[in-house]
Amino acid sequence: MTKPDNTRESSAGLGPAEPERGKAWKSSQGFHDDVIRFRLRDRVEHLLVMIVFFALALTGLPQKFHDVGVSKTIVEALGGIAQVRYLHRLAGVLFALMTLIHLVTVLGAVVRGQSTLAMVPGAKDFRDVVTTLRYYLRISDQRAQFDRFDYKEKFEYWGIVFGGLIMITTGFALLYPIAATRFLPGQLIPAAKVAHGNEGLMAFLVVILWHIYNVVFAPEVFPGSKTIFTGKISRERMRHEHPLEYARLFPEEAAEVLGKKPAEPEPAARRDD
């Protein structure tokens, strides 16, 4: 079946630009077996978060575990503790600005009615957790059917949001302790130091043990998913991982993807000759 041409002309008029999210990718050879999942803005934002997070971990963990040999090596390689602290604070300010821009952009989209709030957890996500556990334990043969984002992706997203807010507030309290204690009790500063270090360690472990496994080592994506870098996902993978979204984008295949049998046509009325 011929698919509609969903590409857009680039602003420079130099040929077809990247199509909108959820549209098939088209070139001079015809439609590819891919669907646009992330826009360019999403991919750039993810890349910047990766870089800043790496910088924060590289400069923050050696300060928390300063008595470990590898920490001393990293500090010396970066030019000393003063330089490490400067780089950590710089990365922290950049992270705070990125978080602010992201939240303002999301809230603006919600106010304008341009956001579907796909990342907000709902009752179905909790049911999907139970369904997935039953499937993995071989209690049931039924797999959870996910929409644009599954419960794991939502958990990661809100973990970054709330964890980031904790890191930002405690980080600024440590950066400006005198200003902070003008309005808040002095006990805030040592508490902020503990919270900042532990939250940073937890964020690092979640990324290493949870996120990296899901996008690199999980059997479905090994040796690594390239979707967040290319913006594209194969239709076959979308059918498997996000069947509800796939059925919405390709309604002609919805019955097959969701395992529903199409309704049989009613028998034609018999005529008496």
Protein backbone atom coordinates (compact mmCIF):
# COMPACT_ATOMS: atom_id res chain seq x y z
CA MET A 1 0.00 0.00 0.00
CA THR A 2 1.34 3.40 -0.95
CA LYS A 3 2.07 5.63 2.03
CA PRO A 4 1.58 9.40 1.98
CA ASP A 5 4.57 11.64 1.58
CA ASN A 6 5.07 13.14 5.05
CA THR A 7 8.34 14.92 4.41
CA ARG A 8 8.67 18.71 4.76
CA GLU A 9 10.69 21.05 2.62
CA SER A 10 13.63 22.53 4.48
CA SER A 11 13.57 26.24 5.24
CA ALA A 12 16.49 26.72 2.89
CA GLY A 13 14.62 25.03 0.05
CA LEU A 14 17.39 22.49 -0.44
CA GLY A 15 15.17 19.43 -0.63
CA PRO A 16 13.22 17.30 1.83
CA ALA A 17 13.99 18.00 5.48
CA GLU A 18 13.51 15.60 8.35
CA PRO A 19 9.85 14.54 8.56
CA GLU A 20 7.76 15.11 11.65
CA ARG A 21 7.85 12.63 14.52
CA GLY A 22 5.84 9.49 13.87
CA LYS A 23 6.15 9.74 10.08
CA ALA A 24 7.83 7.34 7.70
CA TRP A 25 11.26 8.35 6.41
CA LYS A 26 11.47 8.89 2.67
CA SER A 27 14.40 9.25 0.29
CA SER A 28 14.82 9.12 -3.47
CA GLN A 29 14.73 5.31 -3.23
CA GLY A 30 11.33 5.36 -1.53
CA PHE A 31 10.16 4.81 2.04
CA HIS A 32 12.57 3.26 4.48
CA ASP A 33 11.54 0.77 7.12
CA ASP A 34 11.99 3.47 9.78
CA VAL A 35 9.82 5.87 11.75
CA ILE A 36 10.88 9.21 13.21
CA ARG A 37 10.78 8.85 17.01
CA PHE A 38 12.81 11.84 18.23
CA ARG A 39 13.11 15.30 16.73
CA LEU A 40 16.46 17.03 16.28
CA ARG A 41 15.83 19.19 19.34
CA ASP A 42 15.27 16.08 21.49
CA ARG A 43 18.49 14.49 20.25
CA VAL A 44 20.58 17.61 20.84
CA GLU A 45 19.13 17.98 24.33
CA HIS A 46 19.97 14.35 25.13
CA LEU A 47 23.53 14.78 23.84
CA LEU A 48 24.04 17.88 26.00
CA VAL A 49 22.67 16.07 29.06
CA MET A 50 25.10 13.21 28.40
CA ILE A 51 28.08 15.55 28.21
CA VAL A 52 27.12 17.58 31.29
CA PHE A 53 26.28 14.47 33.32
CA PHE A 54 29.65 12.94 32.45
CA ALA A 55 31.40 16.16 33.47
CA LEU A 56 29.50 16.28 36.77
CA ALA A 57 30.30 12.66 37.57
CA LEU A 58 33.94 13.00 36.57
CA THR A 59 34.47 16.06 38.76
CA GLY A 60 32.02 15.27 41.57
CA LEU A 61 32.66 11.65 42.53
CA PRO A 62 36.43 12.17 43.09
CA GLN A 63 35.51 14.89 45.61
CA LYS A 64 33.09 12.61 47.44
CA PHE A 65 35.54 9.70 47.49
CA HIS A 66 38.67 11.82 47.81
CA ASP A 67 40.65 9.17 49.69
CA VAL A 68 40.40 6.59 46.90
CA GLY A 69 43.49 6.19 44.72
CA VAL A 70 41.70 6.60 41.40
CA SER A 71 40.11 9.83 42.67
CA LYS A 72 43.53 11.32 43.35
CA THR A 73 44.65 10.32 39.85
CA ILE A 74 41.62 12.02 38.27
CA VAL A 75 42.10 15.19 40.33
CA GLU A 76 45.76 15.42 39.34
CA ALA A 77 44.95 14.76 35.68
CA LEU A 78 42.40 17.60 35.68
CA GLY A 79 44.85 20.10 37.15
CA GLY A 80 44.26 19.92 40.89
CA ILE A 81 41.37 20.21 43.28
CA ALA A 82 40.77 23.91 42.60
CA GLN A 83 40.36 23.21 38.89
CA VAL A 84 38.11 20.22 39.59
CA ARG A 85 35.85 22.33 41.81
CA TYR A 86 35.66 25.06 39.16
CA LEU A 87 34.73 22.57 36.42
CA HIS A 88 32.14 20.91 38.66
CA ARG A 89 30.48 24.23 39.47
CA LEU A 90 30.52 25.25 35.80
CA ALA A 91 28.88 21.97 34.78
CA GLY A 92 26.36 22.39 37.61
CA VAL A 93 25.34 25.84 36.42
CA LEU A 94 24.96 24.53 32.86
CA PHE A 95 22.82 21.66 34.14
CA ALA A 96 20.62 24.09 36.06
CA LEU A 97 20.13 26.25 32.95
CA MET A 98 19.30 23.21 30.81
CA THR A 99 16.79 22.00 33.41
CA LEU A 100 15.15 25.42 33.57
CA ILE A 101 14.89 25.67 29.78
CA HIS A 102 13.46 22.15 29.57
CA LEU A 103 10.81 22.73 32.26
CA VAL A 104 9.78 26.10 30.80
CA THR A 105 9.51 24.55 27.33
CA VAL A 106 7.41 21.65 28.60
CA LEU A 107 5.12 23.88 30.67
CA GLY A 108 4.70 26.21 27.71
CA ALA A 109 3.71 23.30 25.49
CA VAL A 110 1.17 22.15 28.09
CA VAL A 111 -0.35 25.64 28.37
CA ARG A 112 -0.62 25.91 24.58
CA GLY A 113 -2.19 22.47 24.37
CA GLN A 114 0.69 21.10 22.30
CA SER A 115 1.73 18.40 24.77
CA THR A 116 0.07 15.02 25.14
CA LEU A 117 1.64 14.55 28.60
CA ALA A 118 2.93 11.18 27.41
CA MET A 119 5.52 11.10 30.20
CA VAL A 120 3.00 11.44 33.04
CA PRO A 121 2.55 8.04 34.76
CA GLY A 122 -0.95 6.63 34.92
CA ALA A 123 -2.78 3.63 36.31
CA LYS A 124 -1.87 1.65 33.19
CA ASP A 125 1.84 1.96 34.00
CA PHE A 126 1.33 0.21 37.33
CA ARG A 127 -0.70 -2.49 35.61
CA ASP A 128 2.10 -2.85 33.04
CA VAL A 129 4.62 -3.45 35.84
CA VAL A 130 2.51 -6.33 37.16
CA THR A 131 1.92 -7.70 33.66
CA THR A 132 5.65 -7.58 32.88
CA LEU A 133 6.59 -9.32 36.13
CA ARG A 134 4.03 -12.05 35.47
CA TYR A 135 5.44 -12.47 31.95
CA TYR A 136 9.07 -12.66 33.12
CA LEU A 137 8.14 -15.17 35.83
CA ARG A 138 6.28 -17.22 33.19
CA ILE A 139 3.05 -16.97 35.10
CA SER A 140 1.39 -15.48 32.04
CA ASP A 141 2.07 -15.47 28.29
CA GLN A 142 0.70 -11.95 27.94
CA ARG A 143 3.19 -9.16 27.35
CA ALA A 144 2.49 -5.59 28.41
CA GLN A 145 1.62 -3.36 25.47
CA PHE A 146 3.28 0.04 25.69
CA ASP A 147 2.45 3.35 24.09
CA ARG A 148 5.03 6.01 23.20
CA PHE A 149 6.88 5.57 26.52
CA ASP A 150 6.88 2.57 28.84
CA TYR A 151 7.02 2.67 32.63
CA LYS A 152 10.81 2.29 32.69
CA GLU A 153 11.33 5.36 30.50
CA LYS A 154 8.91 7.35 32.63
CA PHE A 155 10.73 6.28 35.81
CA GLU A 156 14.04 7.46 34.35
CA TYR A 157 12.59 10.77 33.18
CA TRP A 158 10.99 11.73 36.49
CA GLY A 159 14.05 10.46 38.34
CA ILE A 160 16.16 12.92 36.35
CA VAL A 161 13.69 15.75 36.93
CA PHE A 162 13.27 15.35 40.69
CA GLY A 163 16.84 14.21 41.25
CA GLY A 164 18.06 17.14 39.22
CA LEU A 165 16.03 19.59 41.29
CA ILE A 166 17.57 18.15 44.46
CA MET A 167 21.06 18.43 42.99
CA ILE A 168 20.47 22.00 41.82
CA THR A 169 19.02 23.33 45.08
CA THR A 170 21.60 21.64 47.29
CA GLY A 171 24.39 22.60 44.89
CA PHE A 172 23.53 26.30 45.02
CA ALA A 173 23.22 26.08 48.82
CA LEU A 174 26.76 24.72 48.95
CA LEU A 175 27.99 27.27 46.42
CA TYR A 176 26.48 30.21 48.32
CA PRO A 177 26.24 29.04 51.96
CA ILE A 178 26.20 32.53 53.49
CA ALA A 179 23.34 33.68 51.26
CA ALA A 180 21.41 30.47 51.91
CA THR A 181 21.71 30.73 55.70
CA ARG A 182 20.35 34.27 55.67
CA PHE A 183 16.92 32.78 55.07
CA LEU A 184 17.32 29.16 56.21
CA PRO A 185 18.79 27.45 59.30
CA GLY A 186 22.54 26.86 59.34
CA GLN A 187 21.98 23.10 59.66
CA LEU A 188 20.91 23.22 56.02
CA ILE A 189 24.48 23.35 54.73
CA PRO A 190 25.79 20.02 56.16
CA ALA A 191 22.45 18.41 55.27
CA ALA A 192 22.75 19.75 51.73
CA LYS A 193 26.27 18.33 51.47
CA VAL A 194 25.06 14.84 52.42
CA ALA A 195 22.02 15.02 50.13
CA HIS A 196 24.05 16.38 47.21
CA GLY A 197 26.71 13.66 47.41
CA ASN A 198 24.31 10.77 47.94
CA GLU A 199 21.89 11.91 45.24
CA GLY A 200 24.78 12.29 42.82
CA LEU A 201 26.01 8.79 43.61
CA MET A 202 22.52 7.35 43.19
CA ALA A 203 22.07 9.14 39.85
CA PHE A 204 25.39 7.74 38.65
CA LEU A 205 24.44 4.19 39.66
CA VAL A 206 20.99 4.46 38.07
CA VAL A 207 22.52 5.59 34.78
CA ILE A 208 25.22 2.89 34.82
CA LEU A 209 23.14 -0.04 36.05
CA TRP A 210 19.67 0.81 34.72
CA HIS A 211 19.84 3.15 31.76
CA ILE A 212 22.98 1.76 30.13
CA TYR A 213 21.63 -1.79 30.39
CA ASN A 214 18.29 -0.84 28.83
CA VAL A 215 19.80 1.02 25.88
CA VAL A 216 23.00 -0.98 25.31
CA PHE A 217 23.00 -4.48 26.82
CA ALA A 218 19.32 -5.50 26.84
CA PRO A 219 18.78 -8.41 24.42
CA GLU A 220 16.26 -6.38 22.37
CA VAL A 221 18.76 -3.62 21.54
CA PHE A 222 22.23 -5.18 21.92
CA PRO A 223 24.84 -4.01 20.93
CA GLY A 224 23.13 -0.67 21.55
CA SER A 225 20.19 1.44 20.47
CA LYS A 226 21.00 4.29 18.08
CA THR A 227 17.51 5.79 18.15
CA ILE A 228 18.34 8.77 20.37
CA PHE A 229 21.23 9.68 18.06
CA THR A 230 19.57 9.11 14.67
CA GLY A 231 16.03 9.91 15.76
CA LYS A 232 14.75 6.87 13.85
CA ILE A 233 13.38 3.52 14.98
CA SER A 234 12.60 0.57 12.75
CA ARG A 235 8.94 -0.24 12.27
CA GLU A 236 9.57 -3.80 13.41
CA ARG A 237 11.12 -2.64 16.68
CA MET A 238 8.30 -0.15 17.24
CA ARG A 239 5.78 -2.92 16.68
CA HIS A 240 7.51 -4.98 19.37
CA GLU A 241 8.33 -2.29 21.96
CA HIS A 242 5.57 0.30 21.42
CA PRO A 243 2.62 -1.54 19.86
CA LEU A 244 -0.01 0.98 21.02
CA GLU A 245 1.85 3.87 19.40
CA TYR A 246 2.47 1.80 16.27
CA ALA A 247 -1.23 0.93 16.02
CA ARG A 248 -2.10 4.62 16.30
CA LEU A 249 0.40 5.63 13.59
CA PHE A 250 -0.48 2.75 11.27
CA PRO A 251 -4.16 2.00 11.92
CA GLU A 252 -4.35 -0.36 8.94
CA GLU A 253 -2.14 -2.77 10.93
CA ALA A 254 -3.68 -2.14 14.35
CA ALA A 255 -5.67 -5.37 14.53
CA GLU A 256 -2.61 -7.47 13.71
CA VAL A 257 -0.25 -5.61 16.08
CA LEU A 258 -2.62 -5.61 19.04
CA GLY A 259 -3.63 -9.23 18.51
CA LYS A 260 -7.25 -8.41 17.79
CA LYS A 261 -9.13 -10.23 15.11
CA PRO A 262 -10.82 -7.92 12.64
CA ALA A 263 -14.58 -7.96 12.75
CA GLU A 264 -16.05 -10.35 10.22
CA PRO A 265 -18.38 -8.76 7.69
CA GLU A 266 -22.03 -9.50 8.18
CA PRO A 267 -23.40 -12.03 5.70
CA ALA A 268 -25.28 -10.49 2.82
CA ALA A 269 -29.01 -10.86 2.99
CA ARG A 270 -30.33 -13.67 0.77
CA ARG A 271 -32.67 -12.64 -1.98
CA ASP A 272 -35.62 -14.74 -2.97
CA ASP A 273 -35.60 -15.08 -6.72
